[in-house]
Amino acid sequence: MPMNVNFYATLRPIAGQKTVEFPLEPGSSVRELVAAIVERFPPMRKELLDENGELYQHVHVFINGRDSPYLSEKMETLLNQGDKIDVFPAVGGGAS
């Protein structure tokens, strides 16, 4: 099933565009999607995953507007055709 993923901020130049389609097997999880992202765009590994291959806490993968830590099964939540997927890196800023 094709899944469209929207990339933001510093991740967009790595992906080369805002939205990228990933062909996933039906019943794929958020974790499997992140693995597909890293496989297709190896430079994203250091942006998304820690040394243990886990998603950094400051990286946000939203499925239909809900951040992955708050999904029912967290990273093991299964994706459905038509889900809206957004990936945000840590974004800092403010006055110094």
PDB file of N, CA and C in Angstrom:
ATOM      1  N   MET A   1       0.853  -1.173   0.000  1.00  0.00           N
ATOM      2  CA  MET A   1       0.000   0.000   0.000  1.00  0.00           C
ATOM      3  C   MET A   1       0.895   1.232   0.000  1.00  0.00           C
ATOM      4  N   PRO A   2       0.647   2.157  -0.880  1.00  0.00           N
ATOM      5  CA  PRO A   2       1.478   3.366  -0.905  1.00  0.00           C
ATOM      6  C   PRO A   2       1.105   4.314   0.221  1.00  0.00           C
ATOM      7  N   MET A   3       2.114   4.810   0.925  1.00  0.00           N
ATOM      8  CA  MET A   3       1.905   5.756   2.020  1.00  0.00           C
ATOM      9  C   MET A   3       2.663   7.039   1.691  1.00  0.00           C
ATOM     10  N   ASN A   4       1.960   8.161   1.733  1.00  0.00           N
ATOM     11  CA  ASN A   4       2.601   9.452   1.516  1.00  0.00           C
ATOM     12  C   ASN A   4       3.075   9.998   2.852  1.00  0.00           C
ATOM     13  N   VAL A   5       4.340  10.406   2.879  1.00  0.00           N
ATOM     14  CA  VAL A   5       4.948  10.939   4.090  1.00  0.00           C
ATOM     15  C   VAL A   5       5.392  12.372   3.809  1.00  0.00           C
ATOM     16  N   ASN A   6       4.988  13.294   4.682  1.00  0.00           N
ATOM     17  CA  ASN A   6       5.384  14.695   4.573  1.00  0.00           C
ATOM     18  C   ASN A   6       6.571  14.953   5.496  1.00  0.00           C
ATOM     19  N   PHE A   7       7.617  15.549   4.930  1.00  0.00           N
ATOM     20  CA  PHE A   7       8.819  15.870   5.697  1.00  0.00           C
ATOM     21  C   PHE A   7       8.895  17.374   5.909  1.00  0.00           C
ATOM     22  N   TYR A   8       9.398  17.780   7.081  1.00  0.00           N
ATOM     23  CA  TYR A   8       9.448  19.190   7.444  1.00  0.00           C
ATOM     24  C   TYR A   8      10.848  19.606   7.868  1.00  0.00           C
ATOM     25  N   ALA A   9      11.066  20.915   7.820  1.00  0.00           N
ATOM     26  CA  ALA A   9      12.286  21.565   8.304  1.00  0.00           C
ATOM     27  C   ALA A   9      13.539  20.939   7.684  1.00  0.00           C
ATOM     28  N   THR A  10      14.494  20.552   8.519  1.00  0.00           N
ATOM     29  CA  THR A  10      15.781  20.061   8.024  1.00  0.00           C
ATOM     30  C   THR A  10      15.686  18.713   7.319  1.00  0.00           C
ATOM     31  N   LEU A  11      14.574  18.007   7.464  1.00  0.00           N
ATOM     32  CA  LEU A  11      14.422  16.709   6.796  1.00  0.00           C
ATOM     33  C   LEU A  11      14.029  16.867   5.329  1.00  0.00           C
ATOM     34  N   ARG A  12      13.388  17.965   4.994  1.00  0.00           N
ATOM     35  CA  ARG A  12      12.901  18.152   3.623  1.00  0.00           C
ATOM     36  C   ARG A  12      14.037  18.175   2.602  1.00  0.00           C
ATOM     37  N   PRO A  13      15.158  18.888   2.853  1.00  0.00           N
ATOM     38  CA  PRO A  13      16.244  18.849   1.869  1.00  0.00           C
ATOM     39  C   PRO A  13      16.825  17.446   1.677  1.00  0.00           C
ATOM     40  N   ILE A  14      16.829  16.641   2.723  1.00  0.00           N
ATOM     41  CA  ILE A  14      17.333  15.269   2.596  1.00  0.00           C
ATOM     42  C   ILE A  14      16.401  14.462   1.699  1.00  0.00           C
ATOM     43  N   ALA A  15      15.102  14.630   1.881  1.00  0.00           N
ATOM     44  CA  ALA A  15      14.119  13.907   1.069  1.00  0.00           C
ATOM     45  C   ALA A  15      14.035  14.476  -0.341  1.00  0.00           C
ATOM     46  N   GLY A  16      14.400  15.749  -0.494  1.00  0.00           N
ATOM     47  CA  GLY A  16      14.371  16.373  -1.810  1.00  0.00           C
ATOM     48  C   GLY A  16      13.019  16.949  -2.200  1.00  0.00           C
ATOM     49  N   GLN A  17      12.017  16.744  -1.372  1.00  0.00           N
ATOM     50  CA  GLN A  17      10.681  17.294  -1.621  1.00  0.00           C
ATOM     51  C   GLN A  17       9.864  17.166  -0.350  1.00  0.00           C
ATOM     52  N   LYS A  18       8.703  17.825  -0.342  1.00  0.00           N
ATOM     53  CA  LYS A  18       7.871  17.794   0.863  1.00  0.00           C
ATOM     54  C   LYS A  18       7.260  16.423   1.082  1.00  0.00           C
ATOM     55  N   THR A  19       6.665  15.848   0.049  1.00  0.00           N
ATOM     56  CA  THR A  19       5.929  14.593   0.195  1.00  0.00           C
ATOM     57  C   THR A  19       6.589  13.498  -0.635  1.00  0.00           C
ATOM     58  N   VAL A  20       6.815  12.361   0.014  1.00  0.00           N
ATOM     59  CA  VAL A  20       7.431  11.210  -0.648  1.00  0.00           C
ATOM     60  C   VAL A  20       6.530  10.005  -0.426  1.00  0.00           C
ATOM     61  N   GLU A  21       6.322   9.231  -1.480  1.00  0.00           N
ATOM     62  CA  GLU A  21       5.506   8.018  -1.368  1.00  0.00           C
ATOM     63  C   GLU A  21       6.400   6.817  -1.062  1.00  0.00           C
ATOM     64  N   PHE A  22       5.966   6.024  -0.091  1.00  0.00           N
ATOM     65  CA  PHE A  22       6.675   4.808   0.292  1.00  0.00           C
ATOM     66  C   PHE A  22       5.759   3.614   0.064  1.00  0.00           C
ATOM     67  N   PRO A  23       6.193   2.622  -0.712  1.00  0.00           N
ATOM     68  CA  PRO A  23       5.383   1.416  -0.884  1.00  0.00           C
ATOM     69  C   PRO A  23       5.589   0.490   0.309  1.00  0.00           C
ATOM     70  N   LEU A  24       4.541   0.276   1.076  1.00  0.00           N
ATOM     71  CA  LEU A  24       4.625  -0.590   2.250  1.00  0.00           C
ATOM     72  C   LEU A  24       3.655  -1.748   2.102  1.00  0.00           C
ATOM     73  N   GLU A  25       3.968  -2.829   2.773  1.00  0.00           N
ATOM     74  CA  GLU A  25       3.055  -3.966   2.812  1.00  0.00           C
ATOM     75  C   GLU A  25       1.850  -3.615   3.673  1.00  0.00           C
ATOM     76  N   PRO A  26       0.665  -4.092   3.328  1.00  0.00           N
ATOM     77  CA  PRO A  26      -0.486  -3.875   4.213  1.00  0.00           C
ATOM     78  C   PRO A  26      -0.171  -4.414   5.612  1.00  0.00           C
ATOM     79  N   GLY A  27      -0.587  -3.688   6.634  1.00  0.00           N
ATOM     80  CA  GLY A  27      -0.318  -4.111   7.997  1.00  0.00           C
ATOM     81  C   GLY A  27       1.036  -3.669   8.511  1.00  0.00           C
ATOM     82  N   SER A  28       1.710  -2.760   7.787  1.00  0.00           N
ATOM     83  CA  SER A  28       3.005  -2.258   8.242  1.00  0.00           C
ATOM     84  C   SER A  28       2.822  -1.326   9.436  1.00  0.00           C
ATOM     85  N   SER A  29       3.827  -1.303  10.287  1.00  0.00           N
ATOM     86  CA  SER A  29       3.782  -0.477  11.498  1.00  0.00           C
ATOM     87  C   SER A  29       4.524   0.844  11.284  1.00  0.00           C
ATOM     88  N   VAL A  30       4.357   1.742  12.242  1.00  0.00           N
ATOM     89  CA  VAL A  30       5.100   3.002  12.219  1.00  0.00           C
ATOM     90  C   VAL A  30       6.596   2.703  12.215  1.00  0.00           C
ATOM     91  N   ARG A  31       7.023   1.737  13.010  1.00  0.00           N
ATOM     92  CA  ARG A  31       8.448   1.355  13.056  1.00  0.00           C
ATOM     93  C   ARG A  31       8.942   0.910  11.679  1.00  0.00           C
ATOM     94  N   GLU A  32       8.137   0.127  10.974  1.00  0.00           N
ATOM     95  CA  GLU A  32       8.527  -0.338   9.634  1.00  0.00           C
ATOM     96  C   GLU A  32       8.584   0.823   8.645  1.00  0.00           C
ATOM     97  N   LEU A  33       7.704   1.790   8.812  1.00  0.00           N
ATOM     98  CA  LEU A  33       7.759   2.977   7.963  1.00  0.00           C
ATOM     99  C   LEU A  33       9.055   3.737   8.209  1.00  0.00           C
ATOM    100  N   VAL A  34       9.414   3.947   9.467  1.00  0.00           N
ATOM    101  CA  VAL A  34      10.659   4.656   9.780  1.00  0.00           C
ATOM    102  C   VAL A  34      11.848   3.901   9.189  1.00  0.00           C
ATOM    103  N   ALA A  35      11.844   2.578   9.258  1.00  0.00           N
ATOM    104  CA  ALA A  35      12.915   1.776   8.656  1.00  0.00           C
ATOM    105  C   ALA A  35      12.970   2.003   7.148  1.00  0.00           C
ATOM    106  N   ALA A  36      11.817   2.094   6.500  1.00  0.00           N
ATOM    107  CA  ALA A  36      11.771   2.337   5.049  1.00  0.00           C
ATOM    108  C   ALA A  36      12.308   3.730   4.717  1.00  0.00           C
ATOM    109  N   ILE A  37      12.010   4.705   5.563  1.00  0.00           N
ATOM    110  CA  ILE A  37      12.521   6.065   5.355  1.00  0.00           C
ATOM    111  C   ILE A  37      14.040   6.066   5.414  1.00  0.00           C
ATOM    112  N   VAL A  38      14.594   5.430   6.443  1.00  0.00           N
ATOM    113  CA  VAL A  38      16.049   5.391   6.626  1.00  0.00           C
ATOM    114  C   VAL A  38      16.719   4.595   5.497  1.00  0.00           C
ATOM    115  N   GLU A  39      16.074   3.540   5.046  1.00  0.00           N
ATOM    116  CA  GLU A  39      16.639   2.751   3.949  1.00  0.00           C
ATOM    117  C   GLU A  39      16.697   3.577   2.668  1.00  0.00           C
ATOM    118  N   ARG A  40      15.645   4.331   2.397  1.00  0.00           N
ATOM    119  CA  ARG A  40      15.598   5.130   1.170  1.00  0.00           C
ATOM    120  C   ARG A  40      16.480   6.366   1.254  1.00  0.00           C
ATOM    121  N   PHE A  41      16.563   6.960   2.433  1.00  0.00           N
ATOM    122  CA  PHE A  41      17.358   8.172   2.650  1.00  0.00           C
ATOM    123  C   PHE A  41      18.330   7.938   3.809  1.00  0.00           C
ATOM    124  N   PRO A  42      19.451   7.253   3.558  1.00  0.00           N
ATOM    125  CA  PRO A  42      20.395   6.912   4.639  1.00  0.00           C
ATOM    126  C   PRO A  42      20.833   8.095   5.512  1.00  0.00           C
ATOM    127  N   PRO A  43      20.991   9.323   4.972  1.00  0.00           N
ATOM    128  CA  PRO A  43      21.376  10.426   5.857  1.00  0.00           C
ATOM    129  C   PRO A  43      20.336  10.726   6.951  1.00  0.00           C
ATOM    130  N   MET A  44      19.105  10.268   6.781  1.00  0.00           N
ATOM    131  CA  MET A  44      18.091  10.514   7.807  1.00  0.00           C
ATOM    132  C   MET A  44      18.310   9.667   9.054  1.00  0.00           C
ATOM    133  N   ARG A  45      19.101   8.616   8.937  1.00  0.00           N
ATOM    134  CA  ARG A  45      19.338   7.762  10.108  1.00  0.00           C
ATOM    135  C   ARG A  45      19.832   8.584  11.288  1.00  0.00           C
ATOM    136  N   LYS A  46      20.860   9.412  11.046  1.00  0.00           N
ATOM    137  CA  LYS A  46      21.420  10.202  12.161  1.00  0.00           C
ATOM    138  C   LYS A  46      20.464  11.294  12.628  1.00  0.00           C
ATOM    139  N   GLU A  47      19.501  11.654  11.790  1.00  0.00           N
ATOM    140  CA  GLU A  47      18.522  12.677  12.160  1.00  0.00           C
ATOM    141  C   GLU A  47      17.358  12.091  12.966  1.00  0.00           C
ATOM    142  N   LEU A  48      17.034  10.820  12.710  1.00  0.00           N
ATOM    143  CA  LEU A  48      15.843  10.208  13.289  1.00  0.00           C
ATOM    144  C   LEU A  48      16.105   9.213  14.407  1.00  0.00           C
ATOM    145  N   LEU A  49      17.211   8.449  14.290  1.00  0.00           N
ATOM    146  CA  LEU A  49      17.422   7.305  15.177  1.00  0.00           C
ATOM    147  C   LEU A  49      18.660   7.453  16.053  1.00  0.00           C
ATOM    148  N   ASP A  50      18.546   6.952  17.283  1.00  0.00           N
ATOM    149  CA  ASP A  50      19.698   6.947  18.183  1.00  0.00           C
ATOM    150  C   ASP A  50      20.593   5.746  17.878  1.00  0.00           C
ATOM    151  N   GLU A  51      21.643   5.555  18.683  1.00  0.00           N
ATOM    152  CA  GLU A  51      22.605   4.479  18.440  1.00  0.00           C
ATOM    153  C   GLU A  51      21.985   3.090  18.565  1.00  0.00           C
ATOM    154  N   ASN A  52      20.830   2.989  19.220  1.00  0.00           N
ATOM    155  CA  ASN A  52      20.136   1.704  19.352  1.00  0.00           C
ATOM    156  C   ASN A  52      19.070   1.485  18.280  1.00  0.00           C
ATOM    157  N   GLY A  53      18.978   2.432  17.345  1.00  0.00           N
ATOM    158  CA  GLY A  53      17.990   2.304  16.290  1.00  0.00           C
ATOM    159  C   GLY A  53      16.587   2.711  16.696  1.00  0.00           C
ATOM    160  N   GLU A  54      16.468   3.412  17.835  1.00  0.00           N
ATOM    161  CA  GLU A  54      15.169   3.890  18.311  1.00  0.00           C
ATOM    162  C   GLU A  54      14.984   5.345  17.905  1.00  0.00           C
ATOM    163  N   LEU A  55      13.744   5.724  17.682  1.00  0.00           N
ATOM    164  CA  LEU A  55      13.421   7.099  17.320  1.00  0.00           C
ATOM    165  C   LEU A  55      13.810   8.030  18.463  1.00  0.00           C
ATOM    166  N   TYR A  56      14.558   9.094  18.130  1.00  0.00           N
ATOM    167  CA  TYR A  56      14.886  10.092  19.144  1.00  0.00           C
ATOM    168  C   TYR A  56      13.605  10.652  19.739  1.00  0.00           C
ATOM    169  N   GLN A  57      13.631  10.980  21.018  1.00  0.00           N
ATOM    170  CA  GLN A  57      12.455  11.547  21.668  1.00  0.00           C
ATOM    171  C   GLN A  57      12.084  12.912  21.108  1.00  0.00           C
ATOM    172  N   HIS A  58      13.081  13.624  20.565  1.00  0.00           N
ATOM    173  CA  HIS A  58      12.801  14.959  20.025  1.00  0.00           C
ATOM    174  C   HIS A  58      12.331  14.933  18.574  1.00  0.00           C
ATOM    175  N   VAL A  59      12.254  13.760  17.974  1.00  0.00           N
ATOM    176  CA  VAL A  59      11.729  13.614  16.610  1.00  0.00           C
ATOM    177  C   VAL A  59      10.259  13.229  16.731  1.00  0.00           C
ATOM    178  N   HIS A  60       9.448  13.814  15.879  1.00  0.00           N
ATOM    179  CA  HIS A  60       8.008  13.578  15.956  1.00  0.00           C
ATOM    180  C   HIS A  60       7.494  12.961  14.666  1.00  0.00           C
ATOM    181  N   VAL A  61       6.883  11.787  14.794  1.00  0.00           N
ATOM    182  CA  VAL A  61       6.209  11.128  13.678  1.00  0.00           C
ATOM    183  C   VAL A  61       4.718  11.160  14.020  1.00  0.00           C
ATOM    184  N   PHE A  62       4.001  11.986  13.288  1.00  0.00           N
ATOM    185  CA  PHE A  62       2.569  12.136  13.522  1.00  0.00           C
ATOM    186  C   PHE A  62       1.787  11.270  12.551  1.00  0.00           C
ATOM    187  N   ILE A  63       0.848  10.510  13.072  1.00  0.00           N
ATOM    188  CA  ILE A  63      -0.077   9.723  12.259  1.00  0.00           C
ATOM    189  C   ILE A  63      -1.459  10.323  12.504  1.00  0.00           C
ATOM    190  N   ASN A  64      -2.032  10.895  11.467  1.00  0.00           N
ATOM    191  CA  ASN A  64      -3.346  11.552  11.585  1.00  0.00           C
ATOM    192  C   ASN A  64      -3.378  12.558  12.736  1.00  0.00           C
ATOM    193  N   GLY A  65      -2.274  13.299  12.885  1.00  0.00           N
ATOM    194  CA  GLY A  65      -2.218  14.348  13.891  1.00  0.00           C
ATOM    195  C   GLY A  65      -1.821  13.913  15.282  1.00  0.00           C
ATOM    196  N   ARG A  66      -1.567  12.616  15.491  1.00  0.00           N
ATOM    197  CA  ARG A  66      -1.172  12.128  16.825  1.00  0.00           C
ATOM    198  C   ARG A  66       0.287  11.692  16.799  1.00  0.00           C
ATOM    199  N   ASP A  67       1.058  12.214  17.728  1.00  0.00           N
ATOM    200  CA  ASP A  67       2.479  11.883  17.825  1.00  0.00           C
ATOM    201  C   ASP A  67       2.629  10.408  18.223  1.00  0.00           C
ATOM    202  N   SER A  68       3.606   9.737  17.632  1.00  0.00           N
ATOM    203  CA  SER A  68       3.750   8.285  17.805  1.00  0.00           C
ATOM    204  C   SER A  68       3.797   7.815  19.266  1.00  0.00           C
ATOM    205  N   PRO A  69       4.416   8.542  20.222  1.00  0.00           N
ATOM    206  CA  PRO A  69       4.397   8.040  21.603  1.00  0.00           C
ATOM    207  C   PRO A  69       2.994   7.958  22.204  1.00  0.00           C
ATOM    208  N   TYR A  70       2.039   8.674  21.598  1.00  0.00           N
ATOM    209  CA  TYR A  70       0.683   8.722  22.144  1.00  0.00           C
ATOM    210  C   TYR A  70      -0.298   7.834  21.372  1.00  0.00           C
ATOM    211  N   LEU A  71       0.205   7.105  20.380  1.00  0.00           N
ATOM    212  CA  LEU A  71      -0.641   6.153  19.657  1.00  0.00           C
ATOM    213  C   LEU A  71      -0.871   4.929  20.532  1.00  0.00           C
ATOM    214  N   SER A  72      -1.932   4.194  20.270  1.00  0.00           N
ATOM    215  CA  SER A  72      -2.296   3.051  21.111  1.00  0.00           C
ATOM    216  C   SER A  72      -1.166   2.040  21.253  1.00  0.00           C
ATOM    217  N   GLU A  73      -0.468   1.777  20.176  1.00  0.00           N
ATOM    218  CA  GLU A  73       0.627   0.794  20.210  1.00  0.00           C
ATOM    219  C   GLU A  73       1.989   1.444  19.963  1.00  0.00           C
ATOM    220  N   LYS A  74       2.037   2.751  20.132  1.00  0.00           N
ATOM    221  CA  LYS A  74       3.270   3.520  19.927  1.00  0.00           C
ATOM    222  C   LYS A  74       3.876   3.208  18.552  1.00  0.00           C
ATOM    223  N   MET A  75       5.142   2.826  18.487  1.00  0.00           N
ATOM    224  CA  MET A  75       5.818   2.565  17.202  1.00  0.00           C
ATOM    225  C   MET A  75       5.315   1.292  16.526  1.00  0.00           C
ATOM    226  N   GLU A  76       4.607   0.461  17.260  1.00  0.00           N
ATOM    227  CA  GLU A  76       4.074  -0.784  16.677  1.00  0.00           C
ATOM    228  C   GLU A  76       2.660  -0.591  16.121  1.00  0.00           C
ATOM    229  N   THR A  77       2.129   0.635  16.193  1.00  0.00           N
ATOM    230  CA  THR A  77       0.806   0.926  15.646  1.00  0.00           C
ATOM    231  C   THR A  77       0.795   0.638  14.152  1.00  0.00           C
ATOM    232  N   LEU A  78      -0.239  -0.031  13.697  1.00  0.00           N
ATOM    233  CA  LEU A  78      -0.349  -0.373  12.281  1.00  0.00           C
ATOM    234  C   LEU A  78      -0.902   0.798  11.498  1.00  0.00           C
ATOM    235  N   LEU A  79      -0.343   0.987  10.315  1.00  0.00           N
ATOM    236  CA  LEU A  79      -0.776   2.060   9.430  1.00  0.00           C
ATOM    237  C   LEU A  79      -1.925   1.591   8.554  1.00  0.00           C
ATOM    238  N   ASN A  80      -2.752   2.537   8.159  1.00  0.00           N
ATOM    239  CA  ASN A  80      -3.871   2.263   7.266  1.00  0.00           C
ATOM    240  C   ASN A  80      -3.753   3.116   6.019  1.00  0.00           C
ATOM    241  N   GLN A  81      -4.240   2.588   4.910  1.00  0.00           N
ATOM    242  CA  GLN A  81      -4.259   3.336   3.667  1.00  0.00           C
ATOM    243  C   GLN A  81      -4.928   4.688   3.913  1.00  0.00           C
ATOM    244  N   GLY A  82      -4.314   5.763   3.440  1.00  0.00           N
ATOM    245  CA  GLY A  82      -4.889   7.087   3.586  1.00  0.00           C
ATOM    246  C   GLY A  82      -4.504   7.823   4.851  1.00  0.00           C
ATOM    247  N   ASP A  83      -3.724   7.177   5.761  1.00  0.00           N
ATOM    248  CA  ASP A  83      -3.265   7.886   6.954  1.00  0.00           C
ATOM    249  C   ASP A  83      -2.439   9.103   6.541  1.00  0.00           C
ATOM    250  N   LYS A  84      -2.576  10.189   7.300  1.00  0.00           N
ATOM    251  CA  LYS A  84      -1.755  11.387   7.079  1.00  0.00           C
ATOM    252  C   LYS A  84      -0.526  11.248   7.971  1.00  0.00           C
ATOM    253  N   ILE A  85       0.644  11.247   7.336  1.00  0.00           N
ATOM    254  CA  ILE A  85       1.896  11.025   8.062  1.00  0.00           C
ATOM    255  C   ILE A  85       2.800  12.248   7.895  1.00  0.00           C
ATOM    256  N   ASP A  86       3.253  12.784   9.038  1.00  0.00           N
ATOM    257  CA  ASP A  86       4.126  13.942   9.052  1.00  0.00           C
ATOM    258  C   ASP A  86       5.317  13.642   9.943  1.00  0.00           C
ATOM    259  N   VAL A  87       6.529  13.975   9.448  1.00  0.00           N
ATOM    260  CA  VAL A  87       7.749  13.722  10.213  1.00  0.00           C
ATOM    261  C   VAL A  87       8.464  15.054  10.439  1.00  0.00           C
ATOM    262  N   PHE A  88       8.667  15.384  11.723  1.00  0.00           N
ATOM    263  CA  PHE A  88       9.310  16.626  12.122  1.00  0.00           C
ATOM    264  C   PHE A  88      10.585  16.333  12.902  1.00  0.00           C
ATOM    265  N   PRO A  89      11.679  17.000  12.584  1.00  0.00           N
ATOM    266  CA  PRO A  89      12.876  16.893  13.420  1.00  0.00           C
ATOM    267  C   PRO A  89      12.712  17.799  14.626  1.00  0.00           C
ATOM    268  N   ALA A  90      13.686  17.764  15.507  1.00  0.00           N
ATOM    269  CA  ALA A  90      13.694  18.724  16.618  1.00  0.00           C
ATOM    270  C   ALA A  90      13.842  20.102  16.015  1.00  0.00           C
ATOM    271  N   VAL A  91      13.066  21.042  16.478  1.00  0.00           N
ATOM    272  CA  VAL A  91      13.151  22.402  15.986  1.00  0.00           C
ATOM    273  C   VAL A  91      13.391  23.303  17.170  1.00  0.00           C
ATOM    274  N   GLY A  92      14.513  23.975  17.142  1.00  0.00           N
ATOM    275  CA  GLY A  92      14.852  24.889  18.214  1.00  0.00           C
ATOM    276  C   GLY A  92      14.678  26.318  17.733  1.00  0.00           C
ATOM    277  N   GLY A  93      14.716  27.208  18.654  1.00  0.00           N
ATOM    278  CA  GLY A  93      14.611  28.602  18.269  1.00  0.00           C
ATOM    279  C   GLY A  93      14.280  29.464  19.444  1.00  0.00           C
ATOM    280  N   GLY A  94      13.973  30.691  19.151  1.00  0.00           N
ATOM    281  CA  GLY A  94      13.636  31.619  20.206  1.00  0.00           C
ATOM    282  C   GLY A  94      14.727  32.666  20.356  1.00  0.00           C
ATOM    283  N   ALA A  95      14.499  33.579  21.231  1.00  0.00           N
ATOM    284  CA  ALA A  95      15.458  34.666  21.446  1.00  0.00           C
ATOM    285  C   ALA A  95      16.620  34.184  22.297  1.00  0.00           C
ATOM    286  N   SER A  96      17.753  34.771  22.039  1.00  0.00           N
ATOM    287  CA  SER A  96      18.923  34.419  22.850  1.00  0.00           C
ATOM    288  C   SER A  96      19.381  35.578  23.687  1.00  0.00           C
TER     289      SER A  96
END
